[in-house]
């Protein structure tokens, strides 16, 4: 089975990161992030730790403490957040598509899975936290979502 579902952890991480991007460099506490996006507090703390270890957010303790992005929102792609939380973007039965071999008439499936991963990467690496925080998505993304078939 092809794994391309977005985990709850990755969804929460993306939402928290967008809140940090919207803060434009200001510190936000974990409690404020949890409230703003309706994310369970303990769950969010573990996610923020993962994002900090990945070098995507920074933190400071104390009265002036909180979290902020470690680099500009324009330099953090959605793919960066997802990889920090869930690892690889697309897998087949938990494996990277290039490591899965098929035989006989099913052999071309590997190319389909690799193409699918490439397409997903292209989107998730193009869209940054800044795009989401400002609501100004890249034109290619707008074109894709303007197609009614995308919503079916």
C-alpha atoms as a PDB file:
ATOM      1  CA  UNK A   1       0.000   0.000   0.000  1.00  0.00           C
ATOM      2  CA  UNK A   2       1.233   3.478  -0.847  1.00  0.00           C
ATOM      3  CA  UNK A   3       1.663   5.657   2.237  1.00  0.00           C
ATOM      4  CA  UNK A   4       0.891   9.293   1.520  1.00  0.00           C
ATOM      5  CA  UNK A   5      -1.465  10.188   4.308  1.00  0.00           C
ATOM      6  CA  UNK A   6      -0.604  13.188   6.412  1.00  0.00           C
ATOM      7  CA  UNK A   7      -0.378  12.159  10.057  1.00  0.00           C
ATOM      8  CA  UNK A   8      -2.114  14.124  12.796  1.00  0.00           C
ATOM      9  CA  UNK A   9       1.354  14.990  14.136  1.00  0.00           C
ATOM     10  CA  UNK A  10       2.419  16.462  10.771  1.00  0.00           C
ATOM     11  CA  UNK A  11      -0.883  18.341  10.431  1.00  0.00           C
ATOM     12  CA  UNK A  12      -0.463  19.824  13.919  1.00  0.00           C
ATOM     13  CA  UNK A  13       3.185  20.659  13.188  1.00  0.00           C
ATOM     14  CA  UNK A  14       2.246  22.483   9.980  1.00  0.00           C
ATOM     15  CA  UNK A  15      -0.475  24.456  11.740  1.00  0.00           C
ATOM     16  CA  UNK A  16       1.826  25.421  14.616  1.00  0.00           C
ATOM     17  CA  UNK A  17       4.599  26.416  12.189  1.00  0.00           C
ATOM     18  CA  UNK A  18       2.190  28.607  10.212  1.00  0.00           C
ATOM     19  CA  UNK A  19       1.182  30.346  13.458  1.00  0.00           C
ATOM     20  CA  UNK A  20       4.870  30.997  14.124  1.00  0.00           C
ATOM     21  CA  UNK A  21       5.285  32.306  10.567  1.00  0.00           C
ATOM     22  CA  UNK A  22       2.341  34.665  11.042  1.00  0.00           C
ATOM     23  CA  UNK A  23       3.957  35.994  14.236  1.00  0.00           C
ATOM     24  CA  UNK A  24       6.729  37.381  12.005  1.00  0.00           C
ATOM     25  CA  UNK A  25       9.636  36.662  14.335  1.00  0.00           C
ATOM     26  CA  UNK A  26       7.769  37.220  17.572  1.00  0.00           C
ATOM     27  CA  UNK A  27       7.834  34.636  20.345  1.00  0.00           C
ATOM     28  CA  UNK A  28       4.719  32.552  20.916  1.00  0.00           C
ATOM     29  CA  UNK A  29       4.259  30.210  23.849  1.00  0.00           C
ATOM     30  CA  UNK A  30       3.291  26.581  23.342  1.00  0.00           C
ATOM     31  CA  UNK A  31       0.058  27.339  25.202  1.00  0.00           C
ATOM     32  CA  UNK A  32      -0.781  30.161  22.770  1.00  0.00           C
ATOM     33  CA  UNK A  33      -0.037  27.914  19.785  1.00  0.00           C
ATOM     34  CA  UNK A  34      -2.158  25.110  21.229  1.00  0.00           C
ATOM     35  CA  UNK A  35      -5.087  27.483  21.833  1.00  0.00           C
ATOM     36  CA  UNK A  36      -4.828  29.169  18.434  1.00  0.00           C
ATOM     37  CA  UNK A  37      -4.949  25.893  16.509  1.00  0.00           C
ATOM     38  CA  UNK A  38      -6.864  23.661  18.969  1.00  0.00           C
ATOM     39  CA  UNK A  39      -3.916  21.298  19.380  1.00  0.00           C
ATOM     40  CA  UNK A  40      -3.607  19.177  22.535  1.00  0.00           C
ATOM     41  CA  UNK A  41      -0.881  20.811  24.666  1.00  0.00           C
ATOM     42  CA  UNK A  42       1.209  17.755  25.533  1.00  0.00           C
ATOM     43  CA  UNK A  43       1.056  16.578  21.921  1.00  0.00           C
ATOM     44  CA  UNK A  44       2.207  20.003  20.736  1.00  0.00           C
ATOM     45  CA  UNK A  45       5.151  20.098  23.156  1.00  0.00           C
ATOM     46  CA  UNK A  46       6.497  16.848  21.684  1.00  0.00           C
ATOM     47  CA  UNK A  47       6.007  18.196  18.150  1.00  0.00           C
ATOM     48  CA  UNK A  48       7.796  21.452  18.961  1.00  0.00           C
ATOM     49  CA  UNK A  49      10.690  19.441  20.386  1.00  0.00           C
ATOM     50  CA  UNK A  50      10.960  17.531  17.093  1.00  0.00           C
ATOM     51  CA  UNK A  51      10.855  20.767  15.091  1.00  0.00           C
ATOM     52  CA  UNK A  52      13.522  22.291  17.344  1.00  0.00           C
ATOM     53  CA  UNK A  53      15.779  19.246  16.933  1.00  0.00           C
ATOM     54  CA  UNK A  54      15.316  19.514  13.160  1.00  0.00           C
ATOM     55  CA  UNK A  55      16.512  23.141  13.314  1.00  0.00           C
ATOM     56  CA  UNK A  56      13.180  24.569  12.159  1.00  0.00           C
ATOM     57  CA  UNK A  57      12.132  26.354  15.349  1.00  0.00           C
ATOM     58  CA  UNK A  58      13.986  27.884  18.257  1.00  0.00           C
ATOM     59  CA  UNK A  59      12.871  28.267  21.826  1.00  0.00           C
ATOM     60  CA  UNK A  60      13.643  30.235  24.929  1.00  0.00           C
ATOM     61  CA  UNK A  61      12.503  29.651  28.503  1.00  0.00           C
ATOM     62  CA  UNK A  62      11.379  32.289  30.958  1.00  0.00           C
ATOM     63  CA  UNK A  63       9.009  35.255  30.998  1.00  0.00           C
ATOM     64  CA  UNK A  64      10.186  36.396  27.559  1.00  0.00           C
ATOM     65  CA  UNK A  65      10.218  32.807  26.357  1.00  0.00           C
ATOM     66  CA  UNK A  66       8.385  30.993  23.679  1.00  0.00           C
ATOM     67  CA  UNK A  67       8.962  29.598  20.222  1.00  0.00           C
ATOM     68  CA  UNK A  68       9.828  31.220  16.909  1.00  0.00           C
ATOM     69  CA  UNK A  69      10.989  30.043  13.501  1.00  0.00           C
ATOM     70  CA  UNK A  70      14.713  29.340  13.233  1.00  0.00           C
ATOM     71  CA  UNK A  71      14.838  30.856   9.738  1.00  0.00           C
ATOM     72  CA  UNK A  72      12.580  33.023   7.579  1.00  0.00           C
ATOM     73  CA  UNK A  73       9.171  31.537   6.756  1.00  0.00           C
ATOM     74  CA  UNK A  74      10.013  31.882   3.049  1.00  0.00           C
ATOM     75  CA  UNK A  75      12.903  29.448   3.586  1.00  0.00           C
ATOM     76  CA  UNK A  76      10.876  26.690   5.231  1.00  0.00           C
ATOM     77  CA  UNK A  77       8.916  24.461   2.857  1.00  0.00           C
ATOM     78  CA  UNK A  78       5.976  22.375   3.982  1.00  0.00           C
ATOM     79  CA  UNK A  79       8.083  19.339   3.043  1.00  0.00           C
ATOM     80  CA  UNK A  80      10.672  20.367   5.666  1.00  0.00           C
ATOM     81  CA  UNK A  81       8.052  20.269   8.419  1.00  0.00           C
ATOM     82  CA  UNK A  82       6.543  16.970   7.263  1.00  0.00           C
ATOM     83  CA  UNK A  83       9.947  15.279   6.982  1.00  0.00           C
ATOM     84  CA  UNK A  84      10.911  16.492  10.467  1.00  0.00           C
ATOM     85  CA  UNK A  85       7.809  14.861  11.918  1.00  0.00           C
ATOM     86  CA  UNK A  86       7.048  11.851   9.703  1.00  0.00           C
ATOM     87  CA  UNK A  87      10.220  11.159   7.736  1.00  0.00           C
ATOM     88  CA  UNK A  88       9.954  10.323   4.038  1.00  0.00           C
ATOM     89  CA  UNK A  89       7.113  11.848   2.059  1.00  0.00           C
ATOM     90  CA  UNK A  90       5.914   8.808   0.108  1.00  0.00           C
ATOM     91  CA  UNK A  91       6.545   5.191   0.860  1.00  0.00           C
ATOM     92  CA  UNK A  92       5.214   1.840  -0.270  1.00  0.00           C
ATOM     93  CA  UNK A  93       4.581  -0.559   2.613  1.00  0.00           C
ATOM     94  CA  UNK A  94       6.995   1.549   4.689  1.00  0.00           C
ATOM     95  CA  UNK A  95       9.766   1.410   2.072  1.00  0.00           C
ATOM     96  CA  UNK A  96      11.145   4.007  -0.298  1.00  0.00           C
ATOM     97  CA  UNK A  97       9.707   3.398  -3.800  1.00  0.00           C
ATOM     98  CA  UNK A  98      13.164   2.930  -5.349  1.00  0.00           C
ATOM     99  CA  UNK A  99      13.750   0.027  -2.961  1.00  0.00           C
ATOM    100  CA  UNK A 100      10.595  -1.830  -4.006  1.00  0.00           C
ATOM    101  CA  UNK A 101      10.948  -4.237  -6.892  1.00  0.00           C
ATOM    102  CA  UNK A 102       8.129  -5.640  -8.965  1.00  0.00           C
ATOM    103  CA  UNK A 103       8.262  -8.448 -11.480  1.00  0.00           C
ATOM    104  CA  UNK A 104       6.451  -9.204 -14.679  1.00  0.00           C
ATOM    105  CA  UNK A 105       3.621  -6.959 -15.803  1.00  0.00           C
ATOM    106  CA  UNK A 106       3.604  -5.118 -12.438  1.00  0.00           C
ATOM    107  CA  UNK A 107       7.150  -3.795 -12.989  1.00  0.00           C
ATOM    108  CA  UNK A 108       6.009  -0.300 -14.154  1.00  0.00           C
ATOM    109  CA  UNK A 109       4.313   0.305 -10.784  1.00  0.00           C
ATOM    110  CA  UNK A 110       7.667   1.346  -9.328  1.00  0.00           C
ATOM    111  CA  UNK A 111       7.894   4.174 -11.875  1.00  0.00           C
ATOM    112  CA  UNK A 112       4.363   5.296 -10.991  1.00  0.00           C
ATOM    113  CA  UNK A 113       5.221   5.444  -7.261  1.00  0.00           C
ATOM    114  CA  UNK A 114       8.427   7.366  -7.975  1.00  0.00           C
ATOM    115  CA  UNK A 115       6.549   9.822 -10.234  1.00  0.00           C
ATOM    116  CA  UNK A 116       3.900  10.273  -7.545  1.00  0.00           C
ATOM    117  CA  UNK A 117       6.567  11.015  -4.945  1.00  0.00           C
ATOM    118  CA  UNK A 118       8.256  13.482  -7.324  1.00  0.00           C
ATOM    119  CA  UNK A 119       4.952  15.283  -7.894  1.00  0.00           C
ATOM    120  CA  UNK A 120       4.164  15.424  -4.182  1.00  0.00           C
ATOM    121  CA  UNK A 121       7.668  16.682  -3.442  1.00  0.00           C
ATOM    122  CA  UNK A 122       7.382  19.347  -6.136  1.00  0.00           C
ATOM    123  CA  UNK A 123       4.306  20.776  -4.438  1.00  0.00           C
ATOM    124  CA  UNK A 124       5.405  20.420  -0.820  1.00  0.00           C
ATOM    125  CA  UNK A 125       8.871  21.816  -1.504  1.00  0.00           C
ATOM    126  CA  UNK A 126       7.500  24.761  -3.489  1.00  0.00           C
ATOM    127  CA  UNK A 127       4.974  25.912  -0.890  1.00  0.00           C
ATOM    128  CA  UNK A 128       6.543  27.653   2.101  1.00  0.00           C
ATOM    129  CA  UNK A 129       5.242  28.709   5.476  1.00  0.00           C
ATOM    130  CA  UNK A 130       5.206  32.270   4.176  1.00  0.00           C
ATOM    131  CA  UNK A 131       2.829  31.271   1.358  1.00  0.00           C
ATOM    132  CA  UNK A 132       0.418  29.776   3.868  1.00  0.00           C
ATOM    133  CA  UNK A 133       0.744  32.534   6.483  1.00  0.00           C
ATOM    134  CA  UNK A 134       0.078  35.257   3.904  1.00  0.00           C
ATOM    135  CA  UNK A 135      -2.572  33.323   1.976  1.00  0.00           C
ATOM    136  CA  UNK A 136      -0.647  33.925  -1.263  1.00  0.00           C
ATOM    137  CA  UNK A 137      -0.144  30.479  -2.742  1.00  0.00           C
ATOM    138  CA  UNK A 138       2.104  29.897  -5.764  1.00  0.00           C
ATOM    139  CA  UNK A 139       0.271  30.181  -9.075  1.00  0.00           C
ATOM    140  CA  UNK A 140       0.789  26.507  -9.887  1.00  0.00           C
ATOM    141  CA  UNK A 141      -0.983  25.505  -6.676  1.00  0.00           C
ATOM    142  CA  UNK A 142      -3.879  27.864  -7.410  1.00  0.00           C
ATOM    143  CA  UNK A 143      -4.194  26.372 -10.907  1.00  0.00           C
ATOM    144  CA  UNK A 144      -4.275  22.835  -9.519  1.00  0.00           C
ATOM    145  CA  UNK A 145      -6.968  23.685  -6.968  1.00  0.00           C
ATOM    146  CA  UNK A 146      -9.030  25.625  -9.526  1.00  0.00           C
ATOM    147  CA  UNK A 147      -9.621  22.341 -11.374  1.00  0.00           C
ATOM    148  CA  UNK A 148     -12.917  20.916 -10.045  1.00  0.00           C
ATOM    149  CA  UNK A 149     -11.495  17.381 -10.408  1.00  0.00           C
ATOM    150  CA  UNK A 150      -9.018  18.236  -7.623  1.00  0.00           C
ATOM    151  CA  UNK A 151     -11.891  18.451  -5.160  1.00  0.00           C
ATOM    152  CA  UNK A 152     -13.555  15.157  -6.112  1.00  0.00           C
END
